[in-house]
Amino acid sequence: MPDAQLIEILIAAMVAGVVVFRLYTVLGRRTGHEPQSHDRLTPVPSGANLRSHPAERPNEPKARSLFDIQLADPGFETNHFLKGARSAYEIILKAFAGGDRPSLKPLLSDDVYKAFDAEIAKRSGAPAAETLSGITDAQIVHAILEDKTAEITVSFRAQFAHGTPASGDYVQRDVTDIWTFARQIGSSSPTWTLVATSGALP
């Protein structure tokens, strides 16, 4: 029946037209689920867990670099890194104060180790005059990822003590140290190496 066939063709054409139109309206406009443009992103603080915003690339340089490091190294988290940095700060300064070169060597770059070693040699085996008594704050102040090498700079606020309370010559002072740690992304070693320091050694 020609009329029946014509009606079927018209109905099929109308259905196809509706499907094409709906595809166009969905694919040709924003649905509200696309990542926002970078200039409207809220900067991520250095201490924040960047994994809470996996689809957003922060606009602030430091947070953006931390985000890039996280993308390159899925196991990286800023909070975990800062805890490790605080531990490294304490371990390195304790080893330095005691002249423990074997403990220092794997934690420092060659240049930094030479500087620490020279200061230890000046003491001729004597312990450091000042020792770390506590860390009051640690914050990430800079980060960069270049050629699979991640570098993160941390500002430490700490207290150092000279003498002992019993001796009567006890003195405590506040110090701010800026240390840069580096790690090769993809390396089998999880250790971040101290590659630069700012400020005189205690």
Protein backbone atom coordinates (compact mmCIF):
# COMPACT_ATOMS: atom_id res chain seq x y z
CA MET A 1 0.00 0.00 0.00
CA PRO A 2 1.82 3.15 -1.21
CA ASP A 3 0.07 5.40 1.29
CA ALA A 4 1.07 3.20 4.22
CA GLN A 5 4.71 3.07 3.05
CA LEU A 6 4.78 6.84 2.63
CA ILE A 7 3.44 7.32 6.16
CA GLU A 8 6.09 4.94 7.56
CA ILE A 9 8.86 6.83 5.73
CA LEU A 10 7.60 10.16 7.03
CA ILE A 11 7.41 8.84 10.61
CA ALA A 12 10.97 7.41 10.37
CA ALA A 13 12.24 10.72 9.01
CA MET A 14 10.60 12.62 11.86
CA VAL A 15 12.12 10.27 14.47
CA ALA A 16 15.57 10.61 12.88
CA GLY A 17 15.21 14.38 12.86
CA VAL A 18 14.33 14.46 16.55
CA VAL A 19 17.35 12.24 17.42
CA VAL A 20 19.74 14.41 15.36
CA PHE A 21 18.37 17.58 16.94
CA ARG A 22 18.79 16.21 20.48
CA LEU A 23 22.37 15.10 19.75
CA TYR A 24 23.16 18.56 18.45
CA THR A 25 21.71 20.30 21.50
CA VAL A 26 23.69 18.02 23.87
CA LEU A 27 27.04 18.06 22.06
CA GLY A 28 26.89 21.69 21.02
CA ARG A 29 26.35 23.30 24.41
CA ARG A 30 27.72 23.17 27.97
CA THR A 31 25.91 20.84 30.31
CA GLY A 32 27.40 22.20 33.55
CA HIS A 33 29.78 19.23 34.02
CA GLU A 34 32.72 20.48 31.95
CA PRO A 35 35.91 21.67 33.75
CA GLN A 36 35.82 25.40 34.31
CA SER A 37 38.28 27.68 32.56
CA HIS A 38 41.55 28.19 34.44
CA ASP A 39 40.98 31.88 35.10
CA ARG A 40 37.97 31.05 37.26
CA LEU A 41 39.53 28.34 39.40
CA THR A 42 40.09 28.88 43.10
CA PRO A 43 43.80 28.55 44.02
CA VAL A 44 44.56 25.47 46.09
CA PRO A 45 46.51 26.18 49.32
CA SER A 46 49.85 24.42 49.64
CA GLY A 47 48.65 22.39 52.61
CA ALA A 48 45.48 21.21 50.90
CA ASN A 49 45.01 17.69 49.64
CA LEU A 50 44.98 18.27 45.88
CA ARG A 51 43.25 14.94 45.31
CA SER A 52 39.99 16.52 46.45
CA HIS A 53 39.91 18.46 43.14
CA PRO A 54 41.18 15.96 40.54
CA ALA A 55 39.41 17.60 37.58
CA GLU A 56 40.62 21.14 38.25
CA ARG A 57 44.04 22.54 37.43
CA PRO A 58 44.66 25.43 39.84
CA ASN A 59 45.57 28.80 38.44
CA GLU A 60 48.04 29.93 41.14
CA PRO A 61 51.61 28.94 40.07
CA LYS A 62 52.57 27.05 43.25
CA ALA A 63 49.32 25.09 43.40
CA ARG A 64 49.46 24.46 39.65
CA SER A 65 52.95 23.00 39.95
CA LEU A 66 51.87 20.80 42.85
CA PHE A 67 48.93 19.65 40.74
CA ASP A 68 51.30 18.80 37.87
CA ILE A 69 53.53 16.81 40.25
CA GLN A 70 50.47 14.90 41.44
CA LEU A 71 49.48 14.09 37.87
CA ALA A 72 53.00 12.82 37.14
CA ASP A 73 53.19 10.90 40.43
CA PRO A 74 49.76 9.52 41.48
CA GLY A 75 51.15 8.66 44.92
CA PHE A 76 52.02 12.27 45.76
CA GLU A 77 50.00 14.16 48.38
CA THR A 78 50.97 17.54 49.81
CA ASN A 79 50.04 16.72 53.40
CA HIS A 80 52.04 13.49 53.30
CA PHE A 81 54.98 15.32 51.73
CA LEU A 82 54.99 18.01 54.43
CA LYS A 83 55.00 15.37 57.17
CA GLY A 84 57.97 13.72 55.47
CA ALA A 85 59.72 17.08 55.04
CA ARG A 86 59.37 17.85 58.75
CA SER A 87 60.82 14.42 59.61
CA ALA A 88 63.68 14.94 57.14
CA TYR A 89 64.43 18.35 58.65
CA GLU A 90 64.72 16.83 62.12
CA ILE A 91 66.74 13.80 60.97
CA ILE A 92 69.19 15.88 58.92
CA LEU A 93 69.79 18.45 61.64
CA LYS A 94 70.19 15.76 64.29
CA ALA A 95 72.73 13.94 62.11
CA PHE A 96 74.51 17.22 61.40
CA ALA A 97 74.68 18.14 65.07
CA GLY A 98 76.17 14.75 65.89
CA GLY A 99 78.54 14.69 62.92
CA ASP A 100 76.81 11.58 61.55
CA ARG A 101 78.00 11.68 57.94
CA PRO A 102 76.70 8.21 56.93
CA SER A 103 73.16 9.25 57.84
CA LEU A 104 73.48 12.56 56.00
CA LYS A 105 74.91 11.29 52.70
CA PRO A 106 71.81 9.55 51.24
CA LEU A 107 69.55 12.47 52.18
CA LEU A 108 71.57 15.28 50.58
CA SER A 109 72.66 16.19 47.08
CA ASP A 110 76.43 16.18 46.48
CA ASP A 111 76.73 19.98 46.76
CA VAL A 112 74.68 20.20 49.95
CA TYR A 113 76.57 17.29 51.48
CA LYS A 114 79.88 19.05 50.81
CA ALA A 115 78.62 22.14 52.66
CA PHE A 116 77.44 20.11 55.63
CA ASP A 117 80.61 18.04 55.66
CA ALA A 118 82.77 21.18 55.67
CA GLU A 119 80.89 22.56 58.68
CA ILE A 120 81.24 19.27 60.54
CA ALA A 121 84.99 19.25 59.79
CA LYS A 122 85.33 22.75 61.27
CA ARG A 123 84.05 21.43 64.60
CA SER A 124 86.79 18.75 64.66
CA GLY A 125 84.39 16.12 65.95
CA ALA A 126 82.71 18.33 68.54
CA PRO A 127 78.89 18.47 68.56
CA ALA A 128 77.11 21.49 67.11
CA ALA A 129 76.81 24.49 69.43
CA GLU A 130 73.07 24.67 68.81
CA THR A 131 70.54 21.89 68.51
CA LEU A 132 67.02 21.78 67.16
CA SER A 133 64.48 21.97 69.96
CA GLY A 134 61.29 22.00 67.87
CA ILE A 135 59.54 22.89 64.62
CA THR A 136 56.78 25.48 64.95
CA ASP A 137 55.63 25.61 61.32
CA ALA A 138 56.35 24.18 57.86
CA GLN A 139 54.81 25.44 54.63
CA ILE A 140 55.36 24.84 50.93
CA VAL A 141 56.43 28.11 49.34
CA HIS A 142 57.46 27.00 45.85
CA ALA A 143 57.18 23.99 43.56
CA ILE A 144 58.29 23.12 40.04
CA LEU A 145 58.28 20.10 37.74
CA GLU A 146 60.87 20.00 34.94
CA ASP A 147 61.92 16.98 32.89
CA LYS A 148 60.41 14.54 35.39
CA THR A 149 62.29 16.17 38.28
CA ALA A 150 60.04 17.59 40.97
CA GLU A 151 61.40 20.29 43.28
CA ILE A 152 59.47 21.56 46.30
CA THR A 153 60.68 24.34 48.57
CA VAL A 154 59.58 24.39 52.19
CA SER A 155 59.84 27.20 54.71
CA PHE A 156 60.54 25.84 58.19
CA ARG A 157 60.10 27.89 61.34
CA ALA A 158 61.99 26.26 64.15
CA GLN A 159 63.57 26.87 67.52
CA PHE A 160 67.21 26.15 68.30
CA ALA A 161 68.73 25.95 71.73
CA HIS A 162 72.23 26.66 72.98
CA GLY A 163 73.43 25.29 76.31
CA THR A 164 71.23 23.68 78.94
CA PRO A 165 68.75 25.15 81.45
CA ALA A 166 70.78 23.65 84.31
CA SER A 167 74.00 25.35 83.23
CA GLY A 168 72.51 28.81 83.29
CA ASP A 169 73.67 29.65 79.74
CA TYR A 170 70.57 28.29 78.01
CA VAL A 171 69.51 30.42 75.05
CA GLN A 172 66.73 29.68 72.58
CA ARG A 173 66.21 31.45 69.28
CA ASP A 174 63.71 31.31 66.42
CA VAL A 175 65.01 30.43 62.96
CA THR A 176 63.46 30.36 59.49
CA ASP A 177 65.07 27.90 57.08
CA ILE A 178 64.21 27.58 53.39
CA TRP A 179 64.99 24.10 52.11
CA THR A 180 64.40 22.66 48.65
CA PHE A 181 63.80 18.95 48.16
CA ALA A 182 63.93 17.12 44.83
CA ARG A 183 62.89 13.74 43.51
CA GLN A 184 62.96 12.08 40.10
CA ILE A 185 59.40 11.09 39.20
CA GLY A 186 59.26 7.39 38.45
CA SER A 187 62.30 6.60 40.59
CA SER A 188 62.11 3.40 42.61
CA SER A 189 63.30 5.36 45.65
CA PRO A 190 60.62 7.33 47.52
CA THR A 191 63.26 9.58 49.14
CA TRP A 192 63.23 13.32 48.47
CA THR A 193 66.80 14.66 48.46
CA LEU A 194 67.74 18.01 49.99
CA VAL A 195 69.25 19.99 47.07
CA ALA A 196 69.40 23.55 48.42
CA THR A 197 69.31 25.45 51.71
CA SER A 198 69.00 29.11 52.62
CA GLY A 199 70.59 30.45 55.77
CA ALA A 200 73.62 29.57 57.83
CA LEU A 201 73.86 26.17 59.41
CA PRO A 202 73.41 26.08 63.19
